[in-house]
């Protein structure tokens, strides 16, 4: 059973959240770390999937659209986790993400979209 590995897009790349997740033993990389800033959302999702990483974002509208598009076109992705912008504190984001990662495998996230 493999644990979800995260790819954090520009919208969600809060240093405190990333560090908190890493402190919980979660494998996290950010767009900045892999030098993918200013790349389209489609390319971000493709990159995350090619790396076997679930994309974590605050960008509800665009990634919900991309998820639906992938499903309708028979394309696959490694999963998308969305937390609506400004809804939770940093501590709450870390808690919700770690709870999800502790309860779902990487395989279980394939082609899935989860709202936290």
PDB file of N, CA and C in Angstrom:
ATOM      1  N   UNK A   1       0.854  -1.174   0.000  1.00  0.00           N
ATOM      2  CA  UNK A   1       0.000   0.000   0.000  1.00  0.00           C
ATOM      3  C   UNK A   1       0.901   1.239   0.000  1.00  0.00           C
ATOM      4  N   UNK A   2       0.811   2.023  -1.065  1.00  0.00           N
ATOM      5  CA  UNK A   2       1.688   3.196  -1.145  1.00  0.00           C
ATOM      6  C   UNK A   2       0.967   4.466  -0.704  1.00  0.00           C
ATOM      7  N   UNK A   3       1.731   5.291  -0.017  1.00  0.00           N
ATOM      8  CA  UNK A   3       1.195   6.550   0.496  1.00  0.00           C
ATOM      9  C   UNK A   3       1.126   7.589  -0.625  1.00  0.00           C
ATOM     10  N   UNK A   4       0.145   8.440  -0.546  1.00  0.00           N
ATOM     11  CA  UNK A   4       0.006   9.552  -1.479  1.00  0.00           C
ATOM     12  C   UNK A   4       1.223  10.454  -1.358  1.00  0.00           C
ATOM     13  N   UNK A   5       1.770  10.838  -2.499  1.00  0.00           N
ATOM     14  CA  UNK A   5       2.841  11.832  -2.558  1.00  0.00           C
ATOM     15  C   UNK A   5       2.224  13.075  -3.193  1.00  0.00           C
ATOM     16  N   UNK A   6       2.549  14.239  -2.677  1.00  0.00           N
ATOM     17  CA  UNK A   6       1.904  15.473  -3.131  1.00  0.00           C
ATOM     18  C   UNK A   6       2.786  16.322  -4.028  1.00  0.00           C
ATOM     19  N   UNK A   7       2.129  16.959  -4.964  1.00  0.00           N
ATOM     20  CA  UNK A   7       2.712  18.014  -5.792  1.00  0.00           C
ATOM     21  C   UNK A   7       1.856  19.241  -5.510  1.00  0.00           C
ATOM     22  N   UNK A   8       2.451  20.289  -4.959  1.00  0.00           N
ATOM     23  CA  UNK A   8       1.710  21.466  -4.518  1.00  0.00           C
ATOM     24  C   UNK A   8       1.848  22.572  -5.555  1.00  0.00           C
ATOM     25  N   UNK A   9       0.697  23.032  -6.078  1.00  0.00           N
ATOM     26  CA  UNK A   9       0.745  24.077  -7.100  1.00  0.00           C
ATOM     27  C   UNK A   9       0.993  25.449  -6.482  1.00  0.00           C
ATOM     28  N   UNK A  10       1.138  26.445  -7.346  1.00  0.00           N
ATOM     29  CA  UNK A  10       1.491  27.800  -6.887  1.00  0.00           C
ATOM     30  C   UNK A  10       0.475  28.381  -5.917  1.00  0.00           C
ATOM     31  N   UNK A  11      -0.808  28.117  -6.155  1.00  0.00           N
ATOM     32  CA  UNK A  11      -1.858  28.678  -5.301  1.00  0.00           C
ATOM     33  C   UNK A  11      -1.785  28.164  -3.870  1.00  0.00           C
ATOM     34  N   UNK A  12      -1.343  26.919  -3.703  1.00  0.00           N
ATOM     35  CA  UNK A  12      -1.384  26.283  -2.389  1.00  0.00           C
ATOM     36  C   UNK A  12      -0.024  26.192  -1.701  1.00  0.00           C
ATOM     37  N   UNK A  13       0.988  26.752  -2.307  1.00  0.00           N
ATOM     38  CA  UNK A  13       2.361  26.571  -1.810  1.00  0.00           C
ATOM     39  C   UNK A  13       2.686  27.459  -0.612  1.00  0.00           C
ATOM     40  N   UNK A  14       1.949  27.261   0.465  1.00  0.00           N
ATOM     41  CA  UNK A  14       2.233  27.983   1.701  1.00  0.00           C
ATOM     42  C   UNK A  14       3.364  27.250   2.425  1.00  0.00           C
ATOM     43  N   UNK A  15       4.434  27.954   2.686  1.00  0.00           N
ATOM     44  CA  UNK A  15       5.618  27.336   3.300  1.00  0.00           C
ATOM     45  C   UNK A  15       5.267  26.571   4.571  1.00  0.00           C
ATOM     46  N   UNK A  16       4.449  27.172   5.430  1.00  0.00           N
ATOM     47  CA  UNK A  16       4.105  26.530   6.703  1.00  0.00           C
ATOM     48  C   UNK A  16       3.343  25.224   6.486  1.00  0.00           C
ATOM     49  N   UNK A  17       2.472  25.177   5.494  1.00  0.00           N
ATOM     50  CA  UNK A  17       1.726  23.946   5.198  1.00  0.00           C
ATOM     51  C   UNK A  17       2.683  22.874   4.675  1.00  0.00           C
ATOM     52  N   UNK A  18       3.539  23.250   3.730  1.00  0.00           N
ATOM     53  CA  UNK A  18       4.502  22.301   3.161  1.00  0.00           C
ATOM     54  C   UNK A  18       5.414  21.743   4.253  1.00  0.00           C
ATOM     55  N   UNK A  19       5.939  22.612   5.094  1.00  0.00           N
ATOM     56  CA  UNK A  19       6.816  22.161   6.178  1.00  0.00           C
ATOM     57  C   UNK A  19       6.063  21.277   7.171  1.00  0.00           C
ATOM     58  N   UNK A  20       4.834  21.644   7.480  1.00  0.00           N
ATOM     59  CA  UNK A  20       4.027  20.829   8.390  1.00  0.00           C
ATOM     60  C   UNK A  20       3.772  19.441   7.844  1.00  0.00           C
ATOM     61  N   UNK A  21       3.483  19.354   6.552  1.00  0.00           N
ATOM     62  CA  UNK A  21       3.270  18.043   5.932  1.00  0.00           C
ATOM     63  C   UNK A  21       4.548  17.216   5.958  1.00  0.00           C
ATOM     64  N   UNK A  22       5.653  17.854   5.647  1.00  0.00           N
ATOM     65  CA  UNK A  22       6.942  17.142   5.681  1.00  0.00           C
ATOM     66  C   UNK A  22       7.270  16.671   7.091  1.00  0.00           C
ATOM     67  N   UNK A  23       6.931  17.479   8.093  1.00  0.00           N
ATOM     68  CA  UNK A  23       7.154  17.074   9.484  1.00  0.00           C
ATOM     69  C   UNK A  23       6.323  15.853   9.865  1.00  0.00           C
ATOM     70  N   UNK A  24       5.240  15.621   9.121  1.00  0.00           N
ATOM     71  CA  UNK A  24       4.403  14.434   9.331  1.00  0.00           C
ATOM     72  C   UNK A  24       4.856  13.270   8.446  1.00  0.00           C
ATOM     73  N   UNK A  25       5.995  13.414   7.781  1.00  0.00           N
ATOM     74  CA  UNK A  25       6.541  12.332   6.968  1.00  0.00           C
ATOM     75  C   UNK A  25       5.925  12.196   5.586  1.00  0.00           C
ATOM     76  N   UNK A  26       5.251  13.230   5.134  1.00  0.00           N
ATOM     77  CA  UNK A  26       4.612  13.185   3.812  1.00  0.00           C
ATOM     78  C   UNK A  26       5.586  13.701   2.761  1.00  0.00           C
ATOM     79  N   UNK A  27       5.666  12.983   1.657  1.00  0.00           N
ATOM     80  CA  UNK A  27       6.531  13.335   0.534  1.00  0.00           C
ATOM     81  C   UNK A  27       5.849  14.455  -0.253  1.00  0.00           C
ATOM     82  N   UNK A  28       6.440  15.649  -0.217  1.00  0.00           N
ATOM     83  CA  UNK A  28       5.851  16.831  -0.847  1.00  0.00           C
ATOM     84  C   UNK A  28       6.896  17.535  -1.693  1.00  0.00           C
ATOM     85  N   UNK A  29       6.509  17.918  -2.911  1.00  0.00           N
ATOM     86  CA  UNK A  29       7.321  18.822  -3.722  1.00  0.00           C
ATOM     87  C   UNK A  29       6.421  19.960  -4.179  1.00  0.00           C
ATOM     88  N   UNK A  30       7.026  21.112  -4.377  1.00  0.00           N
ATOM     89  CA  UNK A  30       6.259  22.282  -4.819  1.00  0.00           C
ATOM     90  C   UNK A  30       6.656  22.671  -6.233  1.00  0.00           C
ATOM     91  N   UNK A  31       5.808  23.451  -6.850  1.00  0.00           N
ATOM     92  CA  UNK A  31       6.062  23.959  -8.201  1.00  0.00           C
ATOM     93  C   UNK A  31       7.378  24.722  -8.237  1.00  0.00           C
ATOM     94  N   UNK A  32       7.646  25.486  -7.195  1.00  0.00           N
ATOM     95  CA  UNK A  32       8.889  26.251  -7.133  1.00  0.00           C
ATOM     96  C   UNK A  32      10.107  25.340  -7.115  1.00  0.00           C
ATOM     97  N   UNK A  33      10.037  24.272  -6.361  1.00  0.00           N
ATOM     98  CA  UNK A  33      11.170  23.361  -6.218  1.00  0.00           C
ATOM     99  C   UNK A  33      11.522  22.642  -7.517  1.00  0.00           C
ATOM    100  N   UNK A  34      10.529  22.404  -8.351  1.00  0.00           N
ATOM    101  CA  UNK A  34      10.788  21.711  -9.621  1.00  0.00           C
ATOM    102  C   UNK A  34      10.788  22.686 -10.797  1.00  0.00           C
ATOM    103  N   UNK A  35      10.806  23.974 -10.463  1.00  0.00           N
ATOM    104  CA  UNK A  35      10.891  25.052 -11.459  1.00  0.00           C
ATOM    105  C   UNK A  35       9.798  24.969 -12.526  1.00  0.00           C
ATOM    106  N   UNK A  36       8.549  24.836 -12.042  1.00  0.00           N
ATOM    107  CA  UNK A  36       7.392  24.764 -12.942  1.00  0.00           C
ATOM    108  C   UNK A  36       6.448  25.952 -12.735  1.00  0.00           C
ATOM    109  N   UNK A  37       6.976  27.074 -12.236  1.00  0.00           N
ATOM    110  CA  UNK A  37       6.119  28.243 -12.047  1.00  0.00           C
ATOM    111  C   UNK A  37       5.673  28.772 -13.406  1.00  0.00           C
ATOM    112  N   UNK A  38       4.534  29.395 -13.436  1.00  0.00           N
ATOM    113  CA  UNK A  38       3.961  30.000 -14.641  1.00  0.00           C
ATOM    114  C   UNK A  38       3.680  28.991 -15.749  1.00  0.00           C
ATOM    115  N   UNK A  39       3.499  27.744 -15.392  1.00  0.00           N
ATOM    116  CA  UNK A  39       3.140  26.708 -16.349  1.00  0.00           C
ATOM    117  C   UNK A  39       1.624  26.526 -16.255  1.00  0.00           C
ATOM    118  N   UNK A  40       0.981  26.180 -17.356  1.00  0.00           N
ATOM    119  CA  UNK A  40      -0.480  26.057 -17.369  1.00  0.00           C
ATOM    120  C   UNK A  40      -0.957  24.972 -16.404  1.00  0.00           C
ATOM    121  N   UNK A  41      -2.212  25.075 -15.997  1.00  0.00           N
ATOM    122  CA  UNK A  41      -2.798  24.093 -15.098  1.00  0.00           C
ATOM    123  C   UNK A  41      -2.765  22.695 -15.723  1.00  0.00           C
ATOM    124  N   UNK A  42      -3.023  22.614 -17.026  1.00  0.00           N
ATOM    125  CA  UNK A  42      -2.986  21.325 -17.734  1.00  0.00           C
ATOM    126  C   UNK A  42      -1.601  20.693 -17.620  1.00  0.00           C
ATOM    127  N   UNK A  43      -0.569  21.521 -17.801  1.00  0.00           N
ATOM    128  CA  UNK A  43       0.804  21.023 -17.699  1.00  0.00           C
ATOM    129  C   UNK A  43       1.154  20.641 -16.265  1.00  0.00           C
ATOM    130  N   UNK A  44       0.622  21.394 -15.296  1.00  0.00           N
ATOM    131  CA  UNK A  44       0.869  21.064 -13.889  1.00  0.00           C
ATOM    132  C   UNK A  44       0.297  19.678 -13.571  1.00  0.00           C
ATOM    133  N   UNK A  45      -0.939  19.439 -14.007  1.00  0.00           N
ATOM    134  CA  UNK A  45      -1.582  18.153 -13.737  1.00  0.00           C
ATOM    135  C   UNK A  45      -0.850  17.025 -14.452  1.00  0.00           C
ATOM    136  N   UNK A  46      -0.433  17.264 -15.683  1.00  0.00           N
ATOM    137  CA  UNK A  46       0.308  16.246 -16.435  1.00  0.00           C
ATOM    138  C   UNK A  46       1.639  15.932 -15.752  1.00  0.00           C
ATOM    139  N   UNK A  47       2.333  16.965 -15.288  1.00  0.00           N
ATOM    140  CA  UNK A  47       3.606  16.746 -14.607  1.00  0.00           C
ATOM    141  C   UNK A  47       3.398  15.953 -13.324  1.00  0.00           C
ATOM    142  N   UNK A  48       2.428  16.372 -12.515  1.00  0.00           N
ATOM    143  CA  UNK A  48       2.153  15.668 -11.257  1.00  0.00           C
ATOM    144  C   UNK A  48       1.863  14.195 -11.535  1.00  0.00           C
ATOM    145  N   UNK A  49       1.042  13.932 -12.523  1.00  0.00           N
ATOM    146  CA  UNK A  49       0.686  12.550 -12.853  1.00  0.00           C
ATOM    147  C   UNK A  49       1.890  11.765 -13.345  1.00  0.00           C
ATOM    148  N   UNK A  50       2.736  12.400 -14.140  1.00  0.00           N
ATOM    149  CA  UNK A  50       3.929  11.698 -14.648  1.00  0.00           C
ATOM    150  C   UNK A  50       4.876  11.309 -13.514  1.00  0.00           C
ATOM    151  N   UNK A  51       4.808  12.043 -12.415  1.00  0.00           N
ATOM    152  CA  UNK A  51       5.642  11.769 -11.246  1.00  0.00           C
ATOM    153  C   UNK A  51       4.923  10.887 -10.215  1.00  0.00           C
ATOM    154  N   UNK A  52       3.678  10.502 -10.522  1.00  0.00           N
ATOM    155  CA  UNK A  52       2.899   9.697  -9.583  1.00  0.00           C
ATOM    156  C   UNK A  52       2.491  10.475  -8.349  1.00  0.00           C
ATOM    157  N   UNK A  53       2.314  11.788  -8.524  1.00  0.00           N
ATOM    158  CA  UNK A  53       1.973  12.657  -7.404  1.00  0.00           C
ATOM    159  C   UNK A  53       0.555  13.194  -7.549  1.00  0.00           C
ATOM    160  N   UNK A  54      -0.115  13.267  -6.435  1.00  0.00           N
ATOM    161  CA  UNK A  54      -1.446  13.852  -6.360  1.00  0.00           C
ATOM    162  C   UNK A  54      -1.267  15.372  -6.282  1.00  0.00           C
ATOM    163  N   UNK A  55      -2.003  16.095  -7.092  1.00  0.00           N
ATOM    164  CA  UNK A  55      -1.879  17.548  -7.117  1.00  0.00           C
ATOM    165  C   UNK A  55      -2.753  18.156  -6.031  1.00  0.00           C
ATOM    166  N   UNK A  56      -2.156  19.014  -5.219  1.00  0.00           N
ATOM    167  CA  UNK A  56      -2.880  19.734  -4.158  1.00  0.00           C
ATOM    168  C   UNK A  56      -2.969  21.198  -4.561  1.00  0.00           C
ATOM    169  N   UNK A  57      -4.182  21.735  -4.535  1.00  0.00           N
ATOM    170  CA  UNK A  57      -4.418  23.099  -5.005  1.00  0.00           C
ATOM    171  C   UNK A  57      -5.541  23.773  -4.227  1.00  0.00           C
ATOM    172  N   UNK A  58      -5.595  25.090  -4.363  1.00  0.00           N
ATOM    173  CA  UNK A  58      -6.723  25.872  -3.862  1.00  0.00           C
ATOM    174  C   UNK A  58      -7.607  26.325  -5.027  1.00  0.00           C
ATOM    175  N   UNK A  59      -7.180  26.018  -6.244  1.00  0.00           N
ATOM    176  CA  UNK A  59      -7.832  26.458  -7.470  1.00  0.00           C
ATOM    177  C   UNK A  59      -8.982  25.512  -7.832  1.00  0.00           C
ATOM    178  N   UNK A  60     -10.112  25.730  -7.215  1.00  0.00           N
ATOM    179  CA  UNK A  60     -11.266  24.847  -7.369  1.00  0.00           C
ATOM    180  C   UNK A  60     -11.763  24.813  -8.815  1.00  0.00           C
ATOM    181  N   UNK A  61     -12.069  25.962  -9.359  1.00  0.00           N
ATOM    182  CA  UNK A  61     -12.705  26.033 -10.675  1.00  0.00           C
ATOM    183  C   UNK A  61     -11.903  25.338 -11.771  1.00  0.00           C
ATOM    184  N   UNK A  62     -10.641  25.700 -11.915  1.00  0.00           N
ATOM    185  CA  UNK A  62      -9.851  25.170 -13.023  1.00  0.00           C
ATOM    186  C   UNK A  62      -9.558  23.684 -12.882  1.00  0.00           C
ATOM    187  N   UNK A  63      -9.276  23.227 -11.670  1.00  0.00           N
ATOM    188  CA  UNK A  63      -8.938  21.815 -11.525  1.00  0.00           C
ATOM    189  C   UNK A  63     -10.164  20.913 -11.502  1.00  0.00           C
ATOM    190  N   UNK A  64     -11.325  21.434 -11.120  1.00  0.00           N
ATOM    191  CA  UNK A  64     -12.566  20.664 -11.282  1.00  0.00           C
ATOM    192  C   UNK A  64     -12.848  20.478 -12.773  1.00  0.00           C
ATOM    193  N   UNK A  65     -12.654  21.530 -13.535  1.00  0.00           N
ATOM    194  CA  UNK A  65     -12.838  21.455 -14.992  1.00  0.00           C
ATOM    195  C   UNK A  65     -11.868  20.453 -15.608  1.00  0.00           C
ATOM    196  N   UNK A  66     -10.606  20.532 -15.218  1.00  0.00           N
ATOM    197  CA  UNK A  66      -9.613  19.597 -15.750  1.00  0.00           C
ATOM    198  C   UNK A  66      -9.934  18.149 -15.372  1.00  0.00           C
ATOM    199  N   UNK A  67     -10.396  17.941 -14.164  1.00  0.00           N
ATOM    200  CA  UNK A  67     -10.779  16.593 -13.730  1.00  0.00           C
ATOM    201  C   UNK A  67     -11.904  16.052 -14.618  1.00  0.00           C
ATOM    202  N   UNK A  68     -12.944  16.842 -14.816  1.00  0.00           N
ATOM    203  CA  UNK A  68     -14.061  16.415 -15.679  1.00  0.00           C
ATOM    204  C   UNK A  68     -13.588  16.157 -17.104  1.00  0.00           C
ATOM    205  N   UNK A  69     -12.725  17.031 -17.590  1.00  0.00           N
ATOM    206  CA  UNK A  69     -12.190  16.888 -18.943  1.00  0.00           C
ATOM    207  C   UNK A  69     -11.392  15.577 -19.079  1.00  0.00           C
ATOM    208  N   UNK A  70     -10.560  15.295 -18.112  1.00  0.00           N
ATOM    209  CA  UNK A  70      -9.776  14.055 -18.142  1.00  0.00           C
ATOM    210  C   UNK A  70     -10.697  12.839 -18.160  1.00  0.00           C
ATOM    211  N   UNK A  71     -11.707  12.845 -17.328  1.00  0.00           N
ATOM    212  CA  UNK A  71     -12.622  11.712 -17.284  1.00  0.00           C
ATOM    213  C   UNK A  71     -13.360  11.548 -18.609  1.00  0.00           C
ATOM    214  N   UNK A  72     -13.837  12.643 -19.173  1.00  0.00           N
ATOM    215  CA  UNK A  72     -14.603  12.553 -20.426  1.00  0.00           C
ATOM    216  C   UNK A  72     -13.730  12.133 -21.609  1.00  0.00           C
ATOM    217  N   UNK A  73     -12.433  12.435 -21.549  1.00  0.00           N
ATOM    218  CA  UNK A  73     -11.519  12.078 -22.632  1.00  0.00           C
ATOM    219  C   UNK A  73     -10.792  10.754 -22.379  1.00  0.00           C
ATOM    220  N   UNK A  74     -11.099  10.108 -21.263  1.00  0.00           N
ATOM    221  CA  UNK A  74     -10.450   8.842 -20.946  1.00  0.00           C
ATOM    222  C   UNK A  74      -8.993   8.982 -20.525  1.00  0.00           C
ATOM    223  N   UNK A  75      -8.583  10.184 -20.144  1.00  0.00           N
ATOM    224  CA  UNK A  75      -7.221  10.410 -19.662  1.00  0.00           C
ATOM    225  C   UNK A  75      -7.167  10.089 -18.173  1.00  0.00           C
ATOM    226  N   UNK A  76      -5.975   9.783 -17.693  1.00  0.00           N
ATOM    227  CA  UNK A  76      -5.806   9.485 -16.280  1.00  0.00           C
ATOM    228  C   UNK A  76      -4.959  10.551 -15.609  1.00  0.00           C
ATOM    229  N   UNK A  77      -5.152  10.684 -14.308  1.00  0.00           N
ATOM    230  CA  UNK A  77      -4.283  11.532 -13.494  1.00  0.00           C
ATOM    231  C   UNK A  77      -4.107  10.858 -12.146  1.00  0.00           C
ATOM    232  N   UNK A  78      -3.126  11.312 -11.374  1.00  0.00           N
ATOM    233  CA  UNK A  78      -2.790  10.674 -10.102  1.00  0.00           C
ATOM    234  C   UNK A  78      -3.648  11.165  -8.937  1.00  0.00           C
ATOM    235  N   UNK A  79      -4.598  12.044  -9.214  1.00  0.00           N
ATOM    236  CA  UNK A  79      -5.490  12.546  -8.177  1.00  0.00           C
ATOM    237  C   UNK A  79      -5.333  14.042  -7.963  1.00  0.00           C
ATOM    238  N   UNK A  80      -6.412  14.648  -7.501  1.00  0.00           N
ATOM    239  CA  UNK A  80      -6.435  16.084  -7.222  1.00  0.00           C
ATOM    240  C   UNK A  80      -7.092  16.280  -5.858  1.00  0.00           C
ATOM    241  N   UNK A  81      -6.442  17.074  -5.023  1.00  0.00           N
ATOM    242  CA  UNK A  81      -6.995  17.443  -3.716  1.00  0.00           C
ATOM    243  C   UNK A  81      -7.178  18.951  -3.729  1.00  0.00           C
ATOM    244  N   UNK A  82      -8.392  19.383  -3.411  1.00  0.00           N
ATOM    245  CA  UNK A  82      -8.718  20.803  -3.442  1.00  0.00           C
ATOM    246  C   UNK A  82      -9.188  21.261  -2.065  1.00  0.00           C
ATOM    247  N   UNK A  83      -8.608  22.357  -1.619  1.00  0.00           N
ATOM    248  CA  UNK A  83      -9.112  23.045  -0.425  1.00  0.00           C
ATOM    249  C   UNK A  83      -9.473  24.453  -0.874  1.00  0.00           C
ATOM    250  N   UNK A  84     -10.733  24.834  -0.744  1.00  0.00           N
ATOM    251  CA  UNK A  84     -11.130  26.179  -1.170  1.00  0.00           C
ATOM    252  C   UNK A  84     -10.318  27.268  -0.459  1.00  0.00           C
ATOM    253  N   UNK A  85      -9.898  28.224  -1.220  1.00  0.00           N
ATOM    254  CA  UNK A  85      -9.053  29.330  -0.741  1.00  0.00           C
ATOM    255  C   UNK A  85      -9.644  30.006   0.500  1.00  0.00           C
ATOM    256  N   UNK A  86      -8.778  30.298   1.462  1.00  0.00           N
ATOM    257  CA  UNK A  86      -9.119  31.037   2.677  1.00  0.00           C
ATOM    258  C   UNK A  86     -10.116  30.326   3.592  1.00  0.00           C
ATOM    259  N   UNK A  87     -10.392  29.092   3.350  1.00  0.00           N
ATOM    260  CA  UNK A  87     -11.406  28.430   4.154  1.00  0.00           C
ATOM    261  C   UNK A  87     -10.869  27.923   5.492  1.00  0.00           C
ATOM    262  N   UNK A  88      -9.628  27.450   5.504  1.00  0.00           N
ATOM    263  CA  UNK A  88      -9.071  26.853   6.711  1.00  0.00           C
ATOM    264  C   UNK A  88      -7.758  27.508   7.110  1.00  0.00           C
ATOM    265  N   UNK A  89      -7.447  27.402   8.394  1.00  0.00           N
ATOM    266  CA  UNK A  89      -6.148  27.868   8.883  1.00  0.00           C
ATOM    267  C   UNK A  89      -5.068  26.902   8.407  1.00  0.00           C
ATOM    268  N   UNK A  90      -3.829  27.292   8.579  1.00  0.00           N
ATOM    269  CA  UNK A  90      -2.708  26.434   8.201  1.00  0.00           C
ATOM    270  C   UNK A  90      -2.766  25.114   8.962  1.00  0.00           C
ATOM    271  N   UNK A  91      -2.999  25.185  10.245  1.00  0.00           N
ATOM    272  CA  UNK A  91      -3.075  23.968  11.070  1.00  0.00           C
ATOM    273  C   UNK A  91      -4.196  23.057  10.576  1.00  0.00           C
ATOM    274  N   UNK A  92      -5.328  23.642  10.243  1.00  0.00           N
ATOM    275  CA  UNK A  92      -6.467  22.852   9.765  1.00  0.00           C
ATOM    276  C   UNK A  92      -6.164  22.228   8.405  1.00  0.00           C
ATOM    277  N   UNK A  93      -5.492  22.950   7.525  1.00  0.00           N
ATOM    278  CA  UNK A  93      -5.109  22.376   6.220  1.00  0.00           C
ATOM    279  C   UNK A  93      -4.198  21.174   6.415  1.00  0.00           C
ATOM    280  N   UNK A  94      -3.200  21.317   7.280  1.00  0.00           N
ATOM    281  CA  UNK A  94      -2.273  20.211   7.543  1.00  0.00           C
ATOM    282  C   UNK A  94      -3.031  19.016   8.118  1.00  0.00           C
ATOM    283  N   UNK A  95      -3.910  19.275   9.064  1.00  0.00           N
ATOM    284  CA  UNK A  95      -4.680  18.192   9.688  1.00  0.00           C
ATOM    285  C   UNK A  95      -5.534  17.462   8.659  1.00  0.00           C
ATOM    286  N   UNK A  96      -6.259  18.212   7.848  1.00  0.00           N
ATOM    287  CA  UNK A  96      -7.135  17.596   6.851  1.00  0.00           C
ATOM    288  C   UNK A  96      -6.346  16.807   5.801  1.00  0.00           C
ATOM    289  N   UNK A  97      -5.235  17.370   5.353  1.00  0.00           N
ATOM    290  CA  UNK A  97      -4.407  16.669   4.358  1.00  0.00           C
ATOM    291  C   UNK A  97      -3.803  15.395   4.941  1.00  0.00           C
ATOM    292  N   UNK A  98      -3.272  15.457   6.161  1.00  0.00           N
ATOM    293  CA  UNK A  98      -2.667  14.256   6.746  1.00  0.00           C
ATOM    294  C   UNK A  98      -3.721  13.183   7.015  1.00  0.00           C
ATOM    295  N   UNK A  99      -4.910  13.583   7.432  1.00  0.00           N
ATOM    296  CA  UNK A  99      -5.983  12.604   7.642  1.00  0.00           C
ATOM    297  C   UNK A  99      -6.351  11.915   6.325  1.00  0.00           C
ATOM    298  N   UNK A 100      -6.444  12.684   5.255  1.00  0.00           N
ATOM    299  CA  UNK A 100      -6.759  12.084   3.956  1.00  0.00           C
ATOM    300  C   UNK A 100      -5.646  11.130   3.535  1.00  0.00           C
ATOM    301  N   UNK A 101      -4.403  11.577   3.650  1.00  0.00           N
ATOM    302  CA  UNK A 101      -3.269  10.767   3.225  1.00  0.00           C
ATOM    303  C   UNK A 101      -3.152   9.496   4.068  1.00  0.00           C
ATOM    304  N   UNK A 102      -3.542   9.560   5.323  1.00  0.00           N
ATOM    305  CA  UNK A 102      -3.525   8.373   6.180  1.00  0.00           C
ATOM    306  C   UNK A 102      -4.672   7.410   5.863  1.00  0.00           C
ATOM    307  N   UNK A 103      -5.695   7.888   5.168  1.00  0.00           N
ATOM    308  CA  UNK A 103      -6.869   7.047   4.940  1.00  0.00           C
ATOM    309  C   UNK A 103      -7.045   6.553   3.500  1.00  0.00           C
ATOM    310  N   UNK A 104      -6.282   7.103   2.560  1.00  0.00           N
ATOM    311  CA  UNK A 104      -6.429   6.722   1.154  1.00  0.00           C
ATOM    312  C   UNK A 104      -5.054   6.408   0.578  1.00  0.00           C
ATOM    313  N   UNK A 105      -4.972   5.353  -0.221  1.00  0.00           N
ATOM    314  CA  UNK A 105      -3.700   5.020  -0.863  1.00  0.00           C
ATOM    315  C   UNK A 105      -3.527   5.845  -2.137  1.00  0.00           C
ATOM    316  N   UNK A 106      -2.306   5.846  -2.639  1.00  0.00           N
ATOM    317  CA  UNK A 106      -2.038   6.529  -3.909  1.00  0.00           C
ATOM    318  C   UNK A 106      -2.911   5.931  -5.009  1.00  0.00           C
ATOM    319  N   UNK A 107      -3.050   4.619  -5.028  1.00  0.00           N
ATOM    320  CA  UNK A 107      -3.895   3.960  -6.035  1.00  0.00           C
ATOM    321  C   UNK A 107      -5.357   4.376  -5.871  1.00  0.00           C
ATOM    322  N   UNK A 108      -5.789   4.542  -4.627  1.00  0.00           N
ATOM    323  CA  UNK A 108      -7.164   4.953  -4.362  1.00  0.00           C
ATOM    324  C   UNK A 108      -7.466   6.378  -4.817  1.00  0.00           C
ATOM    325  N   UNK A 109      -6.435   7.191  -4.982  1.00  0.00           N
ATOM    326  CA  UNK A 109      -6.617   8.576  -5.438  1.00  0.00           C
ATOM    327  C   UNK A 109      -6.592   8.700  -6.964  1.00  0.00           C
ATOM    328  N   UNK A 110      -6.153   7.657  -7.664  1.00  0.00           N
ATOM    329  CA  UNK A 110      -6.075   7.757  -9.126  1.00  0.00           C
ATOM    330  C   UNK A 110      -7.408   8.183  -9.713  1.00  0.00           C
ATOM    331  N   UNK A 111      -7.371   9.206 -10.551  1.00  0.00           N
ATOM    332  CA  UNK A 111      -8.535   9.739 -11.244  1.00  0.00           C
ATOM    333  C   UNK A 111      -9.628  10.221 -10.306  1.00  0.00           C
ATOM    334  N   UNK A 112      -9.264  10.569  -9.097  1.00  0.00           N
ATOM    335  CA  UNK A 112     -10.252  11.040  -8.120  1.00  0.00           C
ATOM    336  C   UNK A 112      -9.998  12.521  -7.811  1.00  0.00           C
ATOM    337  N   UNK A 113     -11.043  13.171  -7.396  1.00  0.00           N
ATOM    338  CA  UNK A 113     -10.992  14.574  -6.970  1.00  0.00           C
ATOM    339  C   UNK A 113     -11.596  14.626  -5.580  1.00  0.00           C
ATOM    340  N   UNK A 114     -10.808  15.081  -4.604  1.00  0.00           N
ATOM    341  CA  UNK A 114     -11.284  15.183  -3.228  1.00  0.00           C
ATOM    342  C   UNK A 114     -11.305  16.627  -2.791  1.00  0.00           C
ATOM    343  N   UNK A 115     -12.400  17.009  -2.144  1.00  0.00           N
ATOM    344  CA  UNK A 115     -12.528  18.330  -1.531  1.00  0.00           C
ATOM    345  C   UNK A 115     -12.335  18.183  -0.034  1.00  0.00           C
ATOM    346  N   UNK A 116     -11.509  19.049   0.542  1.00  0.00           N
ATOM    347  CA  UNK A 116     -11.300  19.022   1.992  1.00  0.00           C
ATOM    348  C   UNK A 116     -11.850  20.284   2.621  1.00  0.00           C
TER     349      UNK A 116
END
